[in-house]
Amino acid sequence: MSRPNSDEPVPLLTQEERDQDLKGEHDLESEAGRIQSAKAQNIDLEYSVPSTVKFAWLGTYFFFSLLLTLYNKLVLSMFHFPWLLTFLHAAFASIGTWAMLQMGHFKLSRLGRRENLALVAFSALFTANIAVSNLSLAMVSVPFYQTMRMLCPIFTILIFRLYYGRTYSTMTYLSLVPLIVGAAMTTLGEMSFTDAGFLLTILGVILAALKTVVTNRFMTGSLALPPVEFLMRMSPLAALQALACAAATGEIGGFMKLMSSGDVSLPPAMASLFGNGFLALLLNISSFNTNKLAGALTMTVCGNLKQCLTVALGIVLFDVTIDFLNGAGMAVTMLGAAIYSKAELDNKNKKVKEAAYKPVEQNGR
């Protein structure tokens, strides 16, 4: 429509630019998304989280993790069915997170076919990690297995470096030396293994590191699923796979025989398993949140530190005796954890300053 004075409006865009707009080549939402993504790349998520929040979740993770470790020690003394215990934990995670969804604690994201296939693949990785660990434990001694698991932070760094191109500060790298060596000294004992057991143990360490990194990327990458939603989507798949493995290994038949034998009092046994499953739900929620907020490398470092804390609790609660080398290893691990914490705090301050002053590239029209 022409103006009353018949003056034509001055075109603000060229004909070529108007054609691009009509074709959708300059979508404002996608432009905003690219700018936001560029801003997000200025600082990693774990360095943008307040330290008080991060340490609170780390404390919660350590508390539930150590508590469940002790609980599992008691449960597995009468319940020799590791796959069924995994199924129990995954089933409680499914039911608990579904109840949280119904109560409005979070809303479901809209996922496409590709994202759902990625979740199925991750659940298979979760199950494969447990299966390989169980197989390797049958071929190597427990001290050897625990010592090799201390290498998980190294493989985590390698995965980040090779696949994501991410690097850490020199002090962070150096702090891993006392963390790994100290934790290995703490769990040092009789080392025995077969060739196949050695290879399976290494594979288990790689899968554990990969699982931790992939978990973090699901919650911090392009998909950015909330931790509880990610747990809700993954746990039913893991539960079904664990149940299938329990059936394949004969655990279901063994469990039915145990229940019908009369050797176990059902009410206390069911109450014990219910408490174990509920505690596992709390640990899974805290673990996924901690992984997102503290980062995958910190989670593997916490795994090493947890070994030392477990030994310390064993000394207090079960009169476990250790030699000088084990005690020195605990001290070295604690020193490494302190150095790592200081290095990561320095990294955070540096990243925050860089993000505050680093210009964000704008896409020209």
Protein backbone atom coordinates (compact mmCIF):
# COMPACT_ATOMS: atom_id res chain seq x y z
CA MET A 1 0.00 0.00 0.00
CA SER A 2 1.34 3.45 -0.93
CA ARG A 3 1.68 6.27 1.57
CA PRO A 4 -0.70 9.28 1.45
CA ASN A 5 2.04 11.48 0.04
CA SER A 6 2.90 8.80 -2.56
CA ASP A 7 6.52 8.69 -1.31
CA GLU A 8 7.94 5.18 -1.55
CA PRO A 9 9.66 3.87 1.62
CA VAL A 10 13.42 3.67 1.49
CA PRO A 11 14.47 -0.01 1.33
CA LEU A 12 16.62 -0.99 4.32
CA LEU A 13 17.75 -4.24 2.69
CA THR A 14 19.06 -5.00 -0.74
CA GLN A 15 17.10 -7.28 -3.01
CA GLU A 16 19.58 -10.11 -2.32
CA GLU A 17 19.18 -9.71 1.45
CA ARG A 18 15.38 -9.68 1.14
CA ASP A 19 15.58 -12.92 -0.87
CA GLN A 20 17.74 -14.47 1.84
CA ASP A 21 15.22 -13.48 4.50
CA LEU A 22 12.37 -14.99 2.51
CA LYS A 23 14.35 -18.24 2.28
CA GLY A 24 14.90 -18.25 6.03
CA GLU A 25 18.67 -17.89 5.79
CA HIS A 26 18.71 -15.27 8.56
CA ASP A 27 16.64 -16.85 11.29
CA LEU A 28 16.78 -14.68 14.40
CA GLU A 29 16.37 -17.60 16.77
CA SER A 30 19.19 -19.55 15.18
CA GLU A 31 21.37 -16.44 15.17
CA ALA A 32 20.65 -15.95 18.87
CA GLY A 33 21.44 -19.61 19.51
CA ARG A 34 24.79 -19.29 17.76
CA ILE A 35 25.67 -16.18 19.76
CA GLN A 36 24.62 -17.87 22.99
CA SER A 37 26.69 -20.92 22.05
CA ALA A 38 29.70 -18.71 21.45
CA LYS A 39 29.23 -17.15 24.86
CA ALA A 40 28.93 -20.57 26.47
CA GLN A 41 32.24 -21.61 24.92
CA ASN A 42 33.98 -18.82 26.82
CA ILE A 43 33.69 -20.78 30.06
CA ASP A 44 33.13 -24.46 30.87
CA LEU A 45 30.06 -25.19 32.96
CA GLU A 46 31.94 -26.52 35.99
CA TYR A 47 33.91 -23.26 36.16
CA SER A 48 30.73 -21.15 36.13
CA VAL A 49 29.14 -22.93 39.12
CA PRO A 50 29.60 -21.25 42.53
CA SER A 51 32.09 -23.17 44.67
CA THR A 52 29.63 -23.49 47.55
CA VAL A 53 27.10 -25.23 45.28
CA LYS A 54 29.75 -27.52 43.80
CA PHE A 55 31.16 -28.54 47.19
CA ALA A 56 27.66 -29.09 48.57
CA TRP A 57 26.87 -31.57 45.80
CA LEU A 58 30.29 -33.21 46.15
CA GLY A 59 29.66 -33.66 49.89
CA THR A 60 26.24 -35.15 49.17
CA TYR A 61 27.74 -37.51 46.60
CA PHE A 62 30.46 -38.70 48.99
CA PHE A 63 27.95 -39.21 51.80
CA PHE A 64 25.51 -41.34 49.79
CA SER A 65 28.30 -43.17 47.94
CA LEU A 66 30.08 -44.27 51.10
CA LEU A 67 26.78 -45.14 52.77
CA LEU A 68 25.68 -47.29 49.83
CA THR A 69 29.10 -48.99 49.66
CA LEU A 70 28.74 -50.08 53.29
CA TYR A 71 25.08 -51.04 52.71
CA ASN A 72 26.01 -53.15 49.68
CA LYS A 73 28.66 -54.91 51.76
CA LEU A 74 25.92 -56.00 54.14
CA VAL A 75 23.35 -56.85 51.46
CA LEU A 76 25.70 -58.83 49.20
CA SER A 77 26.75 -61.00 52.15
CA MET A 78 23.35 -62.69 51.80
CA PHE A 79 22.29 -61.50 48.32
CA HIS A 80 24.83 -62.93 45.88
CA PHE A 81 23.13 -61.58 42.78
CA PRO A 82 25.00 -58.51 41.43
CA TRP A 83 22.89 -58.23 38.25
CA LEU A 84 19.65 -58.34 40.22
CA LEU A 85 21.05 -55.70 42.57
CA THR A 86 21.82 -53.52 39.53
CA PHE A 87 18.28 -54.11 38.31
CA LEU A 88 16.96 -53.08 41.73
CA HIS A 89 18.95 -49.83 41.67
CA ALA A 90 17.87 -48.97 38.12
CA ALA A 91 14.22 -49.85 38.87
CA PHE A 92 14.19 -47.59 41.93
CA ALA A 93 15.76 -44.81 39.84
CA SER A 94 13.01 -45.24 37.23
CA ILE A 95 10.16 -45.21 39.77
CA GLY A 96 11.63 -42.41 41.86
CA THR A 97 12.31 -40.05 38.97
CA TRP A 98 8.88 -40.80 37.44
CA ALA A 99 7.29 -39.83 40.79
CA MET A 100 9.31 -36.59 40.75
CA LEU A 101 8.01 -35.90 37.23
CA GLN A 102 4.42 -36.41 38.37
CA MET A 103 4.99 -34.03 41.28
CA GLY A 104 6.18 -31.33 38.88
CA HIS A 105 9.87 -31.23 39.85
CA PHE A 106 10.87 -31.18 36.18
CA LYS A 107 9.36 -31.30 32.69
CA LEU A 108 10.25 -33.62 29.84
CA SER A 109 12.25 -32.28 26.91
CA ARG A 110 11.17 -33.06 23.37
CA LEU A 111 13.67 -35.51 21.91
CA GLY A 112 13.98 -36.76 18.38
CA ARG A 113 14.84 -40.20 17.08
CA ARG A 114 18.58 -39.48 17.10
CA GLU A 115 18.57 -38.43 20.76
CA ASN A 116 16.53 -41.49 21.80
CA LEU A 117 18.95 -43.78 19.98
CA ALA A 118 21.81 -42.05 21.81
CA LEU A 119 20.11 -42.83 25.13
CA VAL A 120 19.76 -46.49 24.14
CA ALA A 121 23.46 -46.57 23.22
CA PHE A 122 24.38 -45.00 26.56
CA SER A 123 22.34 -47.55 28.50
CA ALA A 124 24.20 -50.30 26.60
CA LEU A 125 27.49 -48.65 27.60
CA PHE A 126 26.29 -48.58 31.22
CA THR A 127 25.49 -52.31 31.12
CA ALA A 128 28.71 -53.21 29.27
CA ASN A 129 30.76 -51.40 31.90
CA ILE A 130 29.20 -53.51 34.67
CA ALA A 131 29.52 -56.74 32.68
CA VAL A 132 33.22 -56.20 31.90
CA SER A 133 33.93 -55.28 35.53
CA ASN A 134 32.24 -58.45 36.77
CA LEU A 135 34.14 -60.60 34.26
CA SER A 136 37.51 -59.04 35.06
CA LEU A 137 37.01 -59.46 38.81
CA ALA A 138 36.78 -63.21 38.27
CA MET A 139 40.21 -63.23 36.56
CA VAL A 140 42.25 -60.83 38.72
CA SER A 141 42.82 -60.20 42.41
CA VAL A 142 40.81 -57.47 44.11
CA PRO A 143 43.91 -55.32 44.92
CA PHE A 144 45.00 -55.47 41.28
CA TYR A 145 41.50 -54.54 40.11
CA GLN A 146 41.30 -51.59 42.53
CA THR A 147 44.79 -50.40 41.61
CA MET A 148 44.00 -50.41 37.90
CA ARG A 149 40.75 -48.51 38.49
CA MET A 150 42.87 -45.68 39.90
CA LEU A 151 43.92 -44.93 36.30
CA CYS A 152 40.42 -43.71 35.42
CA PRO A 153 41.34 -39.98 35.61
CA ILE A 154 44.10 -40.50 33.01
CA PHE A 155 41.71 -42.09 30.52
CA THR A 156 39.17 -39.34 31.21
CA ILE A 157 41.75 -36.71 30.29
CA LEU A 158 42.72 -38.66 27.15
CA ILE A 159 39.07 -38.88 26.02
CA PHE A 160 38.55 -35.15 26.53
CA ARG A 161 41.83 -34.37 24.77
CA LEU A 162 41.42 -36.66 21.77
CA TYR A 163 37.68 -36.30 21.14
CA TYR A 164 36.81 -32.82 22.43
CA GLY A 165 40.20 -31.09 22.18
CA ARG A 166 39.97 -29.96 25.79
CA THR A 167 43.06 -29.35 27.91
CA TYR A 168 43.65 -28.65 31.60
CA SER A 169 46.25 -26.63 33.45
CA THR A 170 49.70 -28.04 34.21
CA MET A 171 48.93 -28.04 37.95
CA THR A 172 45.79 -30.12 37.35
CA TYR A 173 47.85 -32.69 35.45
CA LEU A 174 50.52 -32.76 38.18
CA SER A 175 47.92 -33.16 40.94
CA LEU A 176 46.79 -36.45 39.39
CA VAL A 177 50.19 -38.04 40.15
CA PRO A 178 49.76 -38.15 43.96
CA LEU A 179 46.05 -38.89 43.54
CA ILE A 180 46.71 -42.00 41.45
CA VAL A 181 49.89 -43.16 43.18
CA GLY A 182 48.46 -42.57 46.67
CA ALA A 183 45.20 -44.38 45.91
CA ALA A 184 47.16 -47.30 44.42
CA MET A 185 49.32 -47.47 47.58
CA THR A 186 46.15 -47.50 49.71
CA THR A 187 44.67 -50.52 47.93
CA LEU A 188 48.00 -52.29 47.34
CA GLY A 189 47.99 -55.99 48.11
CA GLU A 190 48.56 -59.32 46.42
CA MET A 191 48.72 -58.70 42.68
CA SER A 192 47.58 -61.64 40.57
CA PHE A 193 45.99 -61.62 37.14
CA THR A 194 45.68 -63.53 33.89
CA ASP A 195 46.41 -62.03 30.48
CA ALA A 196 42.71 -61.94 29.64
CA GLY A 197 41.95 -60.49 33.07
CA PHE A 198 44.50 -57.72 32.54
CA LEU A 199 43.00 -56.76 29.18
CA LEU A 200 39.44 -56.88 30.52
CA THR A 201 40.40 -54.74 33.51
CA ILE A 202 41.95 -52.10 31.23
CA LEU A 203 38.85 -52.23 29.03
CA GLY A 204 36.68 -51.78 32.13
CA VAL A 205 38.69 -48.70 33.15
CA ILE A 206 38.29 -47.20 29.67
CA LEU A 207 34.54 -47.91 29.68
CA ALA A 208 34.18 -46.37 33.15
CA ALA A 209 35.96 -43.20 32.02
CA LEU A 210 33.92 -43.10 28.80
CA LYS A 211 30.67 -43.54 30.74
CA THR A 212 31.56 -40.63 33.03
CA VAL A 213 32.46 -38.36 30.12
CA VAL A 214 29.37 -39.27 28.07
CA THR A 215 27.15 -38.73 31.10
CA ASN A 216 28.60 -35.24 31.47
CA ARG A 217 28.17 -34.44 27.77
CA PHE A 218 24.51 -35.50 27.80
CA MET A 219 23.88 -32.87 30.48
CA THR A 220 26.25 -30.11 29.37
CA GLY A 221 26.53 -30.52 25.59
CA SER A 222 24.09 -29.55 22.85
CA LEU A 223 21.33 -31.72 24.31
CA ALA A 224 21.76 -30.35 27.86
CA LEU A 225 19.30 -32.69 29.57
CA PRO A 226 18.50 -31.92 33.23
CA PRO A 227 20.19 -34.55 35.46
CA VAL A 228 16.96 -36.03 36.87
CA GLU A 229 15.36 -36.24 33.41
CA PHE A 230 18.46 -37.92 32.02
CA LEU A 231 18.33 -40.43 34.88
CA MET A 232 14.63 -41.06 34.26
CA ARG A 233 15.13 -41.70 30.54
CA MET A 234 18.19 -43.93 30.97
CA SER A 235 17.30 -46.04 34.03
CA PRO A 236 14.38 -48.08 32.54
CA LEU A 237 16.63 -49.19 29.67
CA ALA A 238 19.41 -50.10 32.11
CA ALA A 239 16.93 -51.99 34.31
CA LEU A 240 15.71 -54.12 31.40
CA GLN A 241 19.25 -54.90 30.28
CA ALA A 242 20.32 -55.81 33.82
CA LEU A 243 17.29 -58.08 34.17
CA ALA A 244 18.17 -59.80 30.89
CA CYS A 245 21.74 -60.34 32.11
CA ALA A 246 20.40 -61.72 35.41
CA ALA A 247 18.27 -64.21 33.48
CA ALA A 248 21.20 -65.18 31.23
CA THR A 249 23.52 -65.80 34.17
CA GLY A 250 20.97 -67.81 36.15
CA GLU A 251 20.57 -65.24 38.92
CA ILE A 252 16.76 -65.19 38.69
CA GLY A 253 16.56 -68.95 39.23
CA GLY A 254 19.02 -68.72 42.10
CA PHE A 255 17.04 -65.91 43.70
CA MET A 256 13.76 -67.84 43.45
CA LYS A 257 15.42 -70.88 44.98
CA LEU A 258 16.79 -68.76 47.85
CA MET A 259 13.39 -67.23 48.55
CA SER A 260 11.66 -70.62 48.59
CA SER A 261 14.31 -72.34 50.68
CA GLY A 262 13.22 -70.73 53.93
CA ASP A 263 16.80 -69.77 54.78
CA VAL A 264 15.92 -66.09 54.50
CA SER A 265 13.23 -64.28 56.46
CA LEU A 266 11.21 -62.45 53.80
CA PRO A 267 10.03 -59.30 55.67
CA PRO A 268 13.54 -58.24 56.87
CA ALA A 269 15.05 -59.18 53.49
CA MET A 270 12.49 -57.15 51.54
CA ALA A 271 12.93 -54.19 53.90
CA SER A 272 16.70 -54.38 53.46
CA LEU A 273 16.44 -54.47 49.67
CA PHE A 274 13.92 -51.61 49.69
CA GLY A 275 16.27 -49.46 51.76
CA ASN A 276 19.16 -50.33 49.48
CA GLY A 277 17.18 -49.38 46.37
CA PHE A 278 16.00 -46.10 47.86
CA LEU A 279 19.54 -45.19 48.91
CA ALA A 280 20.71 -46.00 45.38
CA LEU A 281 18.07 -43.59 44.03
CA LEU A 282 19.42 -40.78 46.24
CA LEU A 283 22.98 -41.59 45.18
CA ASN A 284 22.07 -41.59 41.47
CA ILE A 285 20.37 -38.19 41.75
CA SER A 286 23.35 -36.70 43.60
CA SER A 287 25.84 -38.41 41.24
CA PHE A 288 24.24 -37.06 38.04
CA ASN A 289 23.94 -33.55 39.49
CA THR A 290 27.54 -33.65 40.74
CA ASN A 291 28.79 -34.84 37.36
CA LYS A 292 27.07 -31.94 35.61
CA LEU A 293 28.19 -29.26 38.08
CA ALA A 294 31.68 -30.50 39.00
CA GLY A 295 32.74 -32.12 35.73
CA ALA A 296 33.68 -35.62 34.59
CA LEU A 297 37.34 -35.39 35.63
CA THR A 298 36.39 -34.35 39.14
CA MET A 299 34.05 -37.35 39.35
CA THR A 300 36.90 -39.76 38.52
CA VAL A 301 39.15 -37.99 41.04
CA CYS A 302 36.39 -38.45 43.62
CA GLY A 303 36.42 -42.16 42.79
CA ASN A 304 40.09 -42.36 43.82
CA LEU A 305 39.45 -40.35 46.96
CA LYS A 306 36.47 -42.52 47.82
CA GLN A 307 38.70 -45.60 47.93
CA CYS A 308 40.78 -44.01 50.68
CA LEU A 309 37.71 -42.89 52.62
CA THR A 310 36.25 -46.40 52.35
CA VAL A 311 39.44 -47.87 53.84
CA ALA A 312 39.35 -45.24 56.60
CA LEU A 313 35.76 -46.17 57.43
CA GLY A 314 36.73 -49.84 57.40
CA ILE A 315 39.38 -49.12 60.03
CA VAL A 316 36.83 -47.41 62.27
CA LEU A 317 33.80 -49.65 61.74
CA PHE A 318 35.22 -53.09 60.96
CA ASP A 319 38.66 -53.02 62.66
CA VAL A 320 40.43 -53.35 59.32
CA THR A 321 44.21 -53.40 59.77
CA ILE A 322 46.53 -51.67 57.31
CA ASP A 323 50.31 -51.47 57.01
CA PHE A 324 52.52 -48.39 56.76
CA LEU A 325 52.38 -48.33 52.95
CA ASN A 326 48.57 -48.27 52.90
CA GLY A 327 48.46 -45.50 55.51
CA ALA A 328 51.05 -43.45 53.62
CA GLY A 329 49.00 -43.92 50.45
CA MET A 330 45.95 -42.40 52.15
CA ALA A 331 48.00 -39.36 53.16
CA VAL A 332 49.43 -38.96 49.64
CA THR A 333 45.93 -39.21 48.14
CA MET A 334 44.60 -36.53 50.48
CA LEU A 335 47.53 -34.28 49.52
CA GLY A 336 46.78 -34.87 45.84
CA ALA A 337 43.09 -34.03 46.40
CA ALA A 338 44.08 -30.74 48.08
CA ILE A 339 46.41 -29.84 45.18
CA TYR A 340 43.71 -30.74 42.64
CA SER A 341 41.11 -28.61 44.45
CA LYS A 342 43.51 -25.64 44.53
CA ALA A 343 44.35 -26.09 40.84
CA GLU A 344 40.68 -26.23 39.83
CA LEU A 345 39.84 -23.15 41.91
CA ASP A 346 42.66 -21.27 40.16
CA ASN A 347 41.39 -22.54 36.80
CA LYS A 348 37.90 -21.30 37.65
CA ASN A 349 39.13 -17.80 38.54
CA LYS A 350 41.15 -17.67 35.33
CA LYS A 351 38.23 -18.85 33.17
CA VAL A 352 35.85 -16.34 34.78
CA LYS A 353 38.24 -13.49 34.04
CA GLU A 354 38.73 -14.66 30.46
CA ALA A 355 34.97 -14.96 29.93
CA ALA A 356 34.44 -11.46 31.32
CA TYR A 357 36.85 -9.82 28.89
CA LYS A 358 36.89 -12.10 25.83
CA PRO A 359 34.83 -10.59 23.00
CA VAL A 360 32.15 -12.70 21.41
CA GLU A 361 32.33 -13.00 17.63
CA GLN A 362 29.19 -11.72 15.91
CA ASN A 363 28.01 -13.12 12.60
CA GLY A 364 27.62 -10.34 10.06
CA ARG A 365 24.60 -10.21 7.83
